[in-house]
Amino acid sequence: MSISKDISYVVRTGKIEDTEAVLTIQRSVVSEGEFLISLSEEFNKTLSQQREWVQSLLENVNEILIVAERDGEVVGWIVFQAAPNRKRLSHTGALGMMISKGYREMGIGSMLLKALLDWAEKNPLIEKVSLGVFSTNHRAISLYKKMGFLEEGRKIKEFKMNENDYVDDILMYKFVK
């Protein structure tokens, strides 16, 4: 993947050396408790486990980790994970993205998503990129729609936020071929 620079940001393929920064961002976003399935007390991933996960991404030609940096600091990341070991699903996979709180609404999500879609278009096996997003995450939904993703379904009341508050899981996709 080529490196792209946008004013003061660099978007590039992740490296094993990014593991700690990726985990730090993930812990921070999980602690916000707003748009992820895991609660802080449920997220117990160790640095060693995260390193294994990043290494497995780097070793699979149909998966990728892309990071955004500012002044050498990783401030966001996006990942694409292929459907595991199923031939009939080998043309598809799902993405996940996290951006540090202080760096949101600065175009980083667009840069990361564009880089991921460019990579997927060049990958001979990947045809469909999918994701799930909380129905309350309006910024993310807007970004995905702007980048050409379409809603293909909803899991109604999929997430129980508290006693009487539920959130739908919106399933979205984009064909890259």
N, C-alpha and C. Protein backbone atom coordinates (compact mmCIF):
# COMPACT_ATOMS: atom_id res chain seq x y z
N MET A 1 0.84 -1.18 0.00
CA MET A 1 0.00 0.00 0.00
C MET A 1 0.88 1.23 0.00
N SER A 2 0.50 2.20 -0.78
CA SER A 2 1.26 3.44 -0.82
C SER A 2 0.90 4.31 0.38
N ILE A 3 1.81 5.14 0.73
CA ILE A 3 1.60 6.07 1.84
C ILE A 3 0.99 7.34 1.26
N SER A 4 -0.07 7.81 1.91
CA SER A 4 -0.66 9.07 1.46
C SER A 4 -0.56 10.09 2.59
N LYS A 5 -0.29 11.33 2.21
CA LYS A 5 -0.19 12.41 3.19
C LYS A 5 -1.31 13.39 2.91
N ASP A 6 -1.98 13.81 3.96
CA ASP A 6 -3.04 14.79 3.84
C ASP A 6 -2.75 15.87 4.88
N ILE A 7 -2.21 16.98 4.44
CA ILE A 7 -1.77 18.09 5.29
C ILE A 7 -0.85 17.56 6.37
N SER A 8 -1.36 17.24 7.57
CA SER A 8 -0.47 16.80 8.63
C SER A 8 -0.70 15.35 9.04
N TYR A 9 -1.44 14.60 8.24
CA TYR A 9 -1.70 13.21 8.56
C TYR A 9 -1.04 12.29 7.54
N VAL A 10 -0.60 11.15 8.03
CA VAL A 10 -0.08 10.09 7.17
C VAL A 10 -0.96 8.87 7.38
N VAL A 11 -1.44 8.30 6.29
CA VAL A 11 -2.23 7.08 6.34
C VAL A 11 -1.38 5.99 5.70
N ARG A 12 -1.17 4.90 6.44
CA ARG A 12 -0.27 3.85 5.97
C ARG A 12 -0.71 2.50 6.51
N THR A 13 -0.17 1.45 5.92
CA THR A 13 -0.40 0.10 6.42
C THR A 13 0.20 -0.01 7.81
N GLY A 14 -0.54 -0.67 8.69
CA GLY A 14 -0.06 -0.86 10.05
C GLY A 14 1.15 -1.78 10.13
N LYS A 15 1.87 -1.65 11.21
CA LYS A 15 3.05 -2.48 11.48
C LYS A 15 2.92 -3.04 12.89
N ILE A 16 3.69 -4.06 13.17
CA ILE A 16 3.66 -4.66 14.50
C ILE A 16 4.01 -3.62 15.57
N GLU A 17 4.84 -2.65 15.20
CA GLU A 17 5.23 -1.60 16.15
C GLU A 17 4.06 -0.69 16.53
N ASP A 18 2.96 -0.75 15.80
CA ASP A 18 1.78 0.06 16.09
C ASP A 18 0.86 -0.58 17.13
N THR A 19 1.19 -1.79 17.54
CA THR A 19 0.30 -2.57 18.41
C THR A 19 -0.12 -1.81 19.65
N GLU A 20 0.82 -1.24 20.36
CA GLU A 20 0.48 -0.57 21.62
C GLU A 20 -0.43 0.63 21.38
N ALA A 21 -0.14 1.41 20.35
CA ALA A 21 -0.97 2.57 20.04
C ALA A 21 -2.38 2.15 19.65
N VAL A 22 -2.49 1.08 18.86
CA VAL A 22 -3.80 0.56 18.44
C VAL A 22 -4.59 0.12 19.68
N LEU A 23 -3.95 -0.57 20.60
CA LEU A 23 -4.61 -1.02 21.83
C LEU A 23 -5.01 0.17 22.71
N THR A 24 -4.16 1.16 22.80
CA THR A 24 -4.48 2.35 23.60
C THR A 24 -5.73 3.04 23.06
N ILE A 25 -5.80 3.20 21.75
CA ILE A 25 -6.99 3.82 21.13
C ILE A 25 -8.21 2.95 21.39
N GLN A 26 -8.05 1.66 21.24
CA GLN A 26 -9.19 0.75 21.44
C GLN A 26 -9.69 0.83 22.88
N ARG A 27 -8.80 0.82 23.84
CA ARG A 27 -9.21 0.92 25.25
C ARG A 27 -9.94 2.24 25.50
N SER A 28 -9.43 3.31 24.93
CA SER A 28 -10.05 4.62 25.12
C SER A 28 -11.45 4.67 24.53
N VAL A 29 -11.61 4.18 23.31
CA VAL A 29 -12.92 4.20 22.66
C VAL A 29 -13.90 3.28 23.41
N VAL A 30 -13.44 2.12 23.84
CA VAL A 30 -14.30 1.22 24.61
C VAL A 30 -14.75 1.90 25.90
N SER A 31 -13.85 2.64 26.54
CA SER A 31 -14.18 3.30 27.81
C SER A 31 -15.25 4.38 27.65
N GLU A 32 -15.38 4.91 26.43
CA GLU A 32 -16.43 5.90 26.19
C GLU A 32 -17.82 5.26 26.31
N GLY A 33 -17.92 3.97 25.99
CA GLY A 33 -19.14 3.22 26.19
C GLY A 33 -20.32 3.56 25.32
N GLU A 34 -20.09 4.29 24.23
CA GLU A 34 -21.22 4.79 23.46
C GLU A 34 -21.57 3.95 22.23
N PHE A 35 -20.57 3.50 21.47
CA PHE A 35 -20.87 2.89 20.18
C PHE A 35 -20.25 1.53 19.97
N LEU A 36 -19.82 0.88 21.03
CA LEU A 36 -19.23 -0.46 20.90
C LEU A 36 -19.97 -1.46 21.75
N ILE A 37 -19.93 -2.70 21.33
CA ILE A 37 -20.61 -3.76 22.05
C ILE A 37 -19.98 -3.98 23.42
N SER A 38 -18.66 -4.00 23.48
CA SER A 38 -17.95 -4.29 24.74
C SER A 38 -18.06 -3.12 25.72
N LEU A 39 -18.24 -3.47 26.97
CA LEU A 39 -18.15 -2.50 28.05
C LEU A 39 -16.71 -2.49 28.55
N SER A 40 -16.31 -1.41 29.21
CA SER A 40 -14.93 -1.30 29.70
C SER A 40 -14.53 -2.51 30.53
N GLU A 41 -15.42 -2.92 31.42
CA GLU A 41 -15.08 -4.04 32.31
C GLU A 41 -15.00 -5.37 31.57
N GLU A 42 -15.52 -5.44 30.35
CA GLU A 42 -15.46 -6.66 29.56
C GLU A 42 -14.23 -6.70 28.64
N PHE A 43 -13.64 -5.55 28.41
CA PHE A 43 -12.52 -5.48 27.48
C PHE A 43 -11.21 -5.65 28.26
N ASN A 44 -10.66 -6.84 28.16
CA ASN A 44 -9.46 -7.19 28.94
C ASN A 44 -8.29 -7.61 28.07
N LYS A 45 -8.26 -7.17 26.83
CA LYS A 45 -7.20 -7.61 25.91
C LYS A 45 -5.85 -7.11 26.41
N THR A 46 -4.89 -8.03 26.45
CA THR A 46 -3.54 -7.68 26.87
C THR A 46 -2.73 -7.23 25.66
N LEU A 47 -1.60 -6.60 25.92
CA LEU A 47 -0.72 -6.18 24.84
C LEU A 47 -0.25 -7.39 24.04
N SER A 48 0.01 -8.49 24.71
CA SER A 48 0.45 -9.71 24.04
C SER A 48 -0.65 -10.25 23.11
N GLN A 49 -1.89 -10.26 23.57
CA GLN A 49 -3.01 -10.71 22.74
C GLN A 49 -3.20 -9.77 21.54
N GLN A 50 -3.06 -8.48 21.79
CA GLN A 50 -3.20 -7.50 20.70
C GLN A 50 -2.10 -7.70 19.67
N ARG A 51 -0.88 -7.95 20.14
CA ARG A 51 0.25 -8.18 19.24
C ARG A 51 -0.02 -9.41 18.36
N GLU A 52 -0.56 -10.48 18.94
CA GLU A 52 -0.90 -11.68 18.17
C GLU A 52 -1.95 -11.34 17.10
N TRP A 53 -2.95 -10.54 17.46
CA TRP A 53 -4.00 -10.15 16.52
C TRP A 53 -3.43 -9.34 15.37
N VAL A 54 -2.60 -8.34 15.70
CA VAL A 54 -1.99 -7.51 14.66
C VAL A 54 -1.10 -8.37 13.77
N GLN A 55 -0.32 -9.26 14.36
CA GLN A 55 0.56 -10.14 13.57
C GLN A 55 -0.26 -11.00 12.62
N SER A 56 -1.40 -11.52 13.09
CA SER A 56 -2.23 -12.36 12.21
C SER A 56 -2.79 -11.55 11.05
N LEU A 57 -3.12 -10.29 11.28
CA LEU A 57 -3.59 -9.41 10.20
C LEU A 57 -2.49 -9.20 9.17
N LEU A 58 -1.29 -8.95 9.66
CA LEU A 58 -0.16 -8.67 8.78
C LEU A 58 0.22 -9.89 7.93
N GLU A 59 -0.05 -11.07 8.44
CA GLU A 59 0.34 -12.30 7.74
C GLU A 59 -0.71 -12.77 6.73
N ASN A 60 -1.90 -12.19 6.76
CA ASN A 60 -2.99 -12.62 5.88
C ASN A 60 -3.16 -11.60 4.75
N VAL A 61 -2.97 -12.02 3.52
CA VAL A 61 -3.05 -11.09 2.38
C VAL A 61 -4.47 -10.58 2.15
N ASN A 62 -5.46 -11.20 2.78
CA ASN A 62 -6.84 -10.76 2.63
C ASN A 62 -7.35 -9.98 3.84
N GLU A 63 -6.45 -9.57 4.69
CA GLU A 63 -6.79 -8.73 5.84
C GLU A 63 -5.78 -7.59 5.91
N ILE A 64 -6.20 -6.51 6.56
CA ILE A 64 -5.29 -5.37 6.64
C ILE A 64 -5.61 -4.51 7.86
N LEU A 65 -4.57 -3.89 8.37
CA LEU A 65 -4.66 -2.85 9.39
C LEU A 65 -4.06 -1.60 8.76
N ILE A 66 -4.81 -0.52 8.80
CA ILE A 66 -4.33 0.76 8.28
C ILE A 66 -4.40 1.76 9.42
N VAL A 67 -3.36 2.55 9.57
CA VAL A 67 -3.33 3.55 10.64
C VAL A 67 -3.21 4.95 10.07
N ALA A 68 -3.68 5.91 10.86
CA ALA A 68 -3.48 7.32 10.56
C ALA A 68 -2.59 7.89 11.66
N GLU A 69 -1.57 8.62 11.24
CA GLU A 69 -0.64 9.23 12.19
C GLU A 69 -0.64 10.74 12.04
N ARG A 70 -0.35 11.39 13.12
CA ARG A 70 -0.07 12.81 13.10
C ARG A 70 1.20 13.02 13.91
N ASP A 71 2.19 13.61 13.27
CA ASP A 71 3.48 13.84 13.92
C ASP A 71 4.04 12.57 14.55
N GLY A 72 3.90 11.45 13.82
CA GLY A 72 4.46 10.18 14.28
C GLY A 72 3.60 9.44 15.30
N GLU A 73 2.48 10.01 15.71
CA GLU A 73 1.60 9.37 16.70
C GLU A 73 0.38 8.78 15.99
N VAL A 74 0.09 7.51 16.25
CA VAL A 74 -1.10 6.87 15.68
C VAL A 74 -2.31 7.46 16.39
N VAL A 75 -3.24 8.02 15.58
CA VAL A 75 -4.43 8.68 16.14
C VAL A 75 -5.73 7.99 15.70
N GLY A 76 -5.61 7.00 14.81
CA GLY A 76 -6.79 6.26 14.38
C GLY A 76 -6.37 5.06 13.57
N TRP A 77 -7.30 4.12 13.43
CA TRP A 77 -7.01 2.93 12.66
C TRP A 77 -8.29 2.31 12.13
N ILE A 78 -8.11 1.53 11.07
CA ILE A 78 -9.20 0.77 10.47
C ILE A 78 -8.67 -0.61 10.16
N VAL A 79 -9.53 -1.60 10.30
CA VAL A 79 -9.13 -2.98 10.06
C VAL A 79 -10.16 -3.64 9.17
N PHE A 80 -9.70 -4.53 8.32
CA PHE A 80 -10.57 -5.37 7.51
C PHE A 80 -10.21 -6.80 7.85
N GLN A 81 -11.22 -7.58 8.26
CA GLN A 81 -11.00 -8.98 8.57
C GLN A 81 -11.88 -9.83 7.67
N ALA A 82 -11.25 -10.78 7.03
CA ALA A 82 -11.95 -11.68 6.12
C ALA A 82 -12.79 -12.68 6.92
N ALA A 83 -13.81 -13.21 6.26
CA ALA A 83 -14.61 -14.27 6.87
C ALA A 83 -13.70 -15.48 7.09
N PRO A 84 -13.70 -16.05 8.25
CA PRO A 84 -12.73 -17.11 8.56
C PRO A 84 -13.04 -18.46 7.93
N ASN A 85 -12.11 -18.94 7.14
CA ASN A 85 -12.07 -20.32 6.65
C ASN A 85 -13.36 -20.84 6.01
N ARG A 86 -14.03 -20.02 5.26
CA ARG A 86 -15.22 -20.46 4.54
C ARG A 86 -15.12 -20.01 3.10
N LYS A 87 -15.00 -20.98 2.18
CA LYS A 87 -14.83 -20.64 0.76
C LYS A 87 -15.95 -19.76 0.23
N ARG A 88 -17.17 -20.05 0.65
CA ARG A 88 -18.31 -19.30 0.14
C ARG A 88 -18.39 -17.88 0.71
N LEU A 89 -17.57 -17.59 1.67
CA LEU A 89 -17.50 -16.24 2.22
C LEU A 89 -16.16 -15.56 1.95
N SER A 90 -15.30 -16.21 1.18
CA SER A 90 -13.95 -15.71 0.99
C SER A 90 -13.89 -14.39 0.21
N HIS A 91 -14.97 -13.99 -0.42
CA HIS A 91 -15.01 -12.75 -1.19
C HIS A 91 -15.42 -11.54 -0.34
N THR A 92 -15.66 -11.77 0.94
CA THR A 92 -16.18 -10.71 1.79
C THR A 92 -15.45 -10.65 3.12
N GLY A 93 -15.71 -9.59 3.85
CA GLY A 93 -15.16 -9.41 5.18
C GLY A 93 -15.76 -8.16 5.79
N ALA A 94 -15.36 -7.88 7.01
CA ALA A 94 -15.95 -6.76 7.74
C ALA A 94 -14.86 -5.80 8.22
N LEU A 95 -15.26 -4.54 8.32
CA LEU A 95 -14.33 -3.53 8.80
C LEU A 95 -14.72 -3.05 10.18
N GLY A 96 -13.74 -2.51 10.86
CA GLY A 96 -13.93 -1.83 12.13
C GLY A 96 -12.99 -0.65 12.15
N MET A 97 -13.41 0.45 12.78
CA MET A 97 -12.58 1.66 12.77
C MET A 97 -12.68 2.35 14.13
N MET A 98 -11.55 2.89 14.58
CA MET A 98 -11.51 3.65 15.82
C MET A 98 -10.59 4.85 15.65
N ILE A 99 -11.04 5.98 16.15
CA ILE A 99 -10.27 7.21 16.07
C ILE A 99 -10.24 7.84 17.47
N SER A 100 -9.06 8.28 17.88
CA SER A 100 -8.93 8.93 19.19
C SER A 100 -9.88 10.11 19.29
N LYS A 101 -10.43 10.30 20.45
CA LYS A 101 -11.48 11.30 20.65
C LYS A 101 -11.09 12.70 20.17
N GLY A 102 -9.92 13.14 20.43
CA GLY A 102 -9.50 14.48 20.05
C GLY A 102 -9.26 14.68 18.56
N TYR A 103 -9.37 13.60 17.78
CA TYR A 103 -9.07 13.68 16.35
C TYR A 103 -10.28 13.38 15.46
N ARG A 104 -11.44 13.33 16.04
CA ARG A 104 -12.65 13.05 15.26
C ARG A 104 -13.13 14.31 14.55
N GLU A 105 -13.89 14.09 13.49
CA GLU A 105 -14.46 15.16 12.68
C GLU A 105 -13.37 16.04 12.03
N MET A 106 -12.25 15.41 11.70
CA MET A 106 -11.15 16.09 11.02
C MET A 106 -10.83 15.42 9.68
N GLY A 107 -11.70 14.50 9.25
CA GLY A 107 -11.49 13.83 7.98
C GLY A 107 -10.66 12.56 8.06
N ILE A 108 -10.25 12.18 9.24
CA ILE A 108 -9.41 10.98 9.38
C ILE A 108 -10.19 9.72 9.02
N GLY A 109 -11.45 9.65 9.44
CA GLY A 109 -12.27 8.50 9.10
C GLY A 109 -12.40 8.34 7.59
N SER A 110 -12.61 9.46 6.89
CA SER A 110 -12.70 9.40 5.42
C SER A 110 -11.40 8.92 4.81
N MET A 111 -10.27 9.42 5.32
CA MET A 111 -8.97 9.00 4.78
C MET A 111 -8.74 7.50 5.00
N LEU A 112 -9.05 7.03 6.22
CA LEU A 112 -8.86 5.62 6.53
C LEU A 112 -9.77 4.74 5.68
N LEU A 113 -11.03 5.14 5.57
CA LEU A 113 -11.98 4.34 4.80
C LEU A 113 -11.63 4.32 3.32
N LYS A 114 -11.19 5.44 2.79
CA LYS A 114 -10.76 5.50 1.38
C LYS A 114 -9.57 4.57 1.15
N ALA A 115 -8.60 4.61 2.06
CA ALA A 115 -7.43 3.74 1.93
C ALA A 115 -7.84 2.27 1.97
N LEU A 116 -8.76 1.94 2.85
CA LEU A 116 -9.22 0.56 2.95
C LEU A 116 -9.94 0.13 1.67
N LEU A 117 -10.81 0.98 1.17
CA LEU A 117 -11.55 0.63 -0.06
C LEU A 117 -10.61 0.53 -1.25
N ASP A 118 -9.59 1.39 -1.32
CA ASP A 118 -8.59 1.29 -2.39
C ASP A 118 -7.87 -0.06 -2.32
N TRP A 119 -7.49 -0.45 -1.11
CA TRP A 119 -6.82 -1.74 -0.91
C TRP A 119 -7.74 -2.88 -1.34
N ALA A 120 -9.02 -2.83 -0.91
CA ALA A 120 -9.97 -3.90 -1.21
C ALA A 120 -10.20 -4.02 -2.72
N GLU A 121 -10.27 -2.89 -3.41
CA GLU A 121 -10.46 -2.91 -4.86
C GLU A 121 -9.30 -3.61 -5.57
N LYS A 122 -8.10 -3.46 -5.03
CA LYS A 122 -6.91 -4.06 -5.64
C LYS A 122 -6.73 -5.52 -5.24
N ASN A 123 -7.37 -5.94 -4.17
CA ASN A 123 -7.24 -7.31 -3.70
C ASN A 123 -8.07 -8.21 -4.62
N PRO A 124 -7.46 -9.19 -5.26
CA PRO A 124 -8.19 -10.00 -6.24
C PRO A 124 -9.33 -10.83 -5.65
N LEU A 125 -9.32 -11.07 -4.37
CA LEU A 125 -10.33 -11.93 -3.76
C LEU A 125 -11.52 -11.13 -3.18
N ILE A 126 -11.26 -9.94 -2.67
CA ILE A 126 -12.30 -9.18 -1.96
C ILE A 126 -13.25 -8.51 -2.95
N GLU A 127 -14.55 -8.77 -2.77
CA GLU A 127 -15.59 -8.16 -3.60
C GLU A 127 -16.55 -7.29 -2.78
N LYS A 128 -16.71 -7.63 -1.52
CA LYS A 128 -17.71 -6.96 -0.69
C LYS A 128 -17.11 -6.61 0.67
N VAL A 129 -17.31 -5.36 1.07
CA VAL A 129 -16.86 -4.89 2.37
C VAL A 129 -18.12 -4.61 3.19
N SER A 130 -18.18 -5.18 4.38
CA SER A 130 -19.36 -5.07 5.23
C SER A 130 -19.00 -4.45 6.58
N LEU A 131 -20.04 -4.03 7.29
CA LEU A 131 -19.85 -3.50 8.64
C LEU A 131 -21.18 -3.51 9.37
N GLY A 132 -21.09 -3.41 10.68
CA GLY A 132 -22.25 -3.19 11.53
C GLY A 132 -22.01 -1.91 12.30
N VAL A 133 -23.07 -1.12 12.50
CA VAL A 133 -22.92 0.17 13.18
C VAL A 133 -24.15 0.42 14.04
N PHE A 134 -23.94 0.95 15.24
CA PHE A 134 -25.06 1.32 16.10
C PHE A 134 -25.93 2.34 15.37
N SER A 135 -27.23 2.17 15.45
CA SER A 135 -28.16 3.10 14.78
C SER A 135 -28.07 4.51 15.37
N THR A 136 -27.48 4.65 16.53
CA THR A 136 -27.30 5.96 17.17
C THR A 136 -26.01 6.66 16.75
N ASN A 137 -25.15 5.97 16.01
CA ASN A 137 -23.86 6.53 15.61
C ASN A 137 -24.03 7.27 14.27
N HIS A 138 -24.69 8.41 14.34
CA HIS A 138 -25.06 9.16 13.14
C HIS A 138 -23.86 9.65 12.33
N ARG A 139 -22.78 10.05 13.01
CA ARG A 139 -21.58 10.50 12.29
C ARG A 139 -21.00 9.37 11.44
N ALA A 140 -20.90 8.19 12.03
CA ALA A 140 -20.35 7.05 11.29
C ALA A 140 -21.26 6.66 10.13
N ILE A 141 -22.55 6.61 10.37
CA ILE A 141 -23.50 6.25 9.31
C ILE A 141 -23.39 7.24 8.15
N SER A 142 -23.29 8.51 8.48
CA SER A 142 -23.15 9.54 7.45
C SER A 142 -21.88 9.32 6.63
N LEU A 143 -20.78 9.02 7.30
CA LEU A 143 -19.52 8.76 6.61
C LEU A 143 -19.66 7.54 5.69
N TYR A 144 -20.22 6.48 6.20
CA TYR A 144 -20.34 5.27 5.38
C TYR A 144 -21.20 5.53 4.15
N LYS A 145 -22.30 6.24 4.32
CA LYS A 145 -23.16 6.56 3.17
C LYS A 145 -22.41 7.44 2.17
N LYS A 146 -21.66 8.42 2.68
CA LYS A 146 -20.88 9.30 1.82
C LYS A 146 -19.88 8.50 0.98
N MET A 147 -19.36 7.43 1.54
CA MET A 147 -18.37 6.60 0.86
C MET A 147 -19.01 5.48 0.03
N GLY A 148 -20.34 5.51 -0.11
CA GLY A 148 -21.02 4.57 -1.00
C GLY A 148 -21.58 3.32 -0.36
N PHE A 149 -21.55 3.23 0.95
CA PHE A 149 -22.12 2.06 1.62
C PHE A 149 -23.64 2.18 1.65
N LEU A 150 -24.29 1.03 1.57
CA LEU A 150 -25.74 0.96 1.59
C LEU A 150 -26.18 0.10 2.77
N GLU A 151 -27.35 0.40 3.29
CA GLU A 151 -27.91 -0.43 4.36
C GLU A 151 -28.50 -1.69 3.73
N GLU A 152 -28.12 -2.85 4.29
CA GLU A 152 -28.70 -4.09 3.78
C GLU A 152 -29.59 -4.77 4.80
N GLY A 153 -29.65 -4.23 5.98
CA GLY A 153 -30.54 -4.81 6.97
C GLY A 153 -30.31 -4.21 8.35
N ARG A 154 -31.17 -4.62 9.26
CA ARG A 154 -31.09 -4.16 10.64
C ARG A 154 -31.39 -5.32 11.57
N LYS A 155 -30.66 -5.34 12.65
CA LYS A 155 -31.00 -6.23 13.75
C LYS A 155 -31.67 -5.33 14.79
N ILE A 156 -32.97 -5.47 14.90
CA ILE A 156 -33.77 -4.59 15.75
C ILE A 156 -33.49 -4.89 17.23
N LYS A 157 -33.29 -3.83 18.00
CA LYS A 157 -33.02 -3.93 19.45
C LYS A 157 -31.89 -4.93 19.73
N GLU A 158 -30.87 -4.92 18.92
CA GLU A 158 -29.76 -5.87 19.06
C GLU A 158 -28.94 -5.61 20.31
N PHE A 159 -28.82 -4.35 20.68
CA PHE A 159 -28.00 -3.99 21.84
C PHE A 159 -28.87 -3.39 22.93
N LYS A 160 -28.76 -3.92 24.13
CA LYS A 160 -29.51 -3.40 25.28
C LYS A 160 -28.57 -2.51 26.07
N MET A 161 -28.82 -1.22 25.98
CA MET A 161 -27.93 -0.24 26.59
C MET A 161 -28.18 -0.13 28.10
N ASN A 162 -29.43 -0.21 28.49
CA ASN A 162 -29.82 -0.24 29.90
C ASN A 162 -31.22 -0.83 29.97
N GLU A 163 -31.87 -0.75 31.11
CA GLU A 163 -33.14 -1.44 31.34
C GLU A 163 -34.17 -1.26 30.22
N ASN A 164 -34.36 -0.04 29.75
CA ASN A 164 -35.41 0.23 28.76
C ASN A 164 -34.90 0.90 27.49
N ASP A 165 -33.61 0.80 27.23
CA ASP A 165 -33.02 1.50 26.09
C ASP A 165 -32.29 0.50 25.20
N TYR A 166 -32.75 0.39 23.96
CA TYR A 166 -32.17 -0.53 22.99
C TYR A 166 -31.67 0.24 21.79
N VAL A 167 -30.71 -0.36 21.08
CA VAL A 167 -30.16 0.24 19.87
C VAL A 167 -30.14 -0.84 18.78
N ASP A 168 -30.53 -0.44 17.57
CA ASP A 168 -30.47 -1.36 16.43
C ASP A 168 -29.04 -1.46 15.92
N ASP A 169 -28.72 -2.60 15.34
CA ASP A 169 -27.45 -2.81 14.65
C ASP A 169 -27.75 -2.67 13.15
N ILE A 170 -27.22 -1.62 12.53
CA ILE A 170 -27.43 -1.41 11.10
C ILE A 170 -26.32 -2.12 10.35
N LEU A 171 -26.70 -3.01 9.43
CA LEU A 171 -25.74 -3.74 8.62
C LEU A 171 -25.59 -3.01 7.30
N MET A 172 -24.35 -2.70 6.93
CA MET A 172 -24.09 -1.94 5.72
C MET A 172 -23.05 -2.68 4.88
N TYR A 173 -23.02 -2.37 3.59
CA TYR A 173 -22.08 -3.03 2.69
C TYR A 173 -21.74 -2.10 1.52
N LYS A 174 -20.64 -2.46 0.87
CA LYS A 174 -20.27 -1.83 -0.39
C LYS A 174 -19.56 -2.89 -1.23
N PHE A 175 -19.99 -3.01 -2.49
CA PHE A 175 -19.28 -3.87 -3.42
C PHE A 175 -18.10 -3.09 -3.99
N VAL A 176 -16.93 -3.70 -4.02
CA VAL A 176 -15.74 -3.04 -4.56
C VAL A 176 -15.39 -3.59 -5.94
N LYS A 177 -16.11 -4.58 -6.38
CA LYS A 177 -15.93 -5.16 -7.71
C LYS A 177 -17.27 -5.51 -8.28
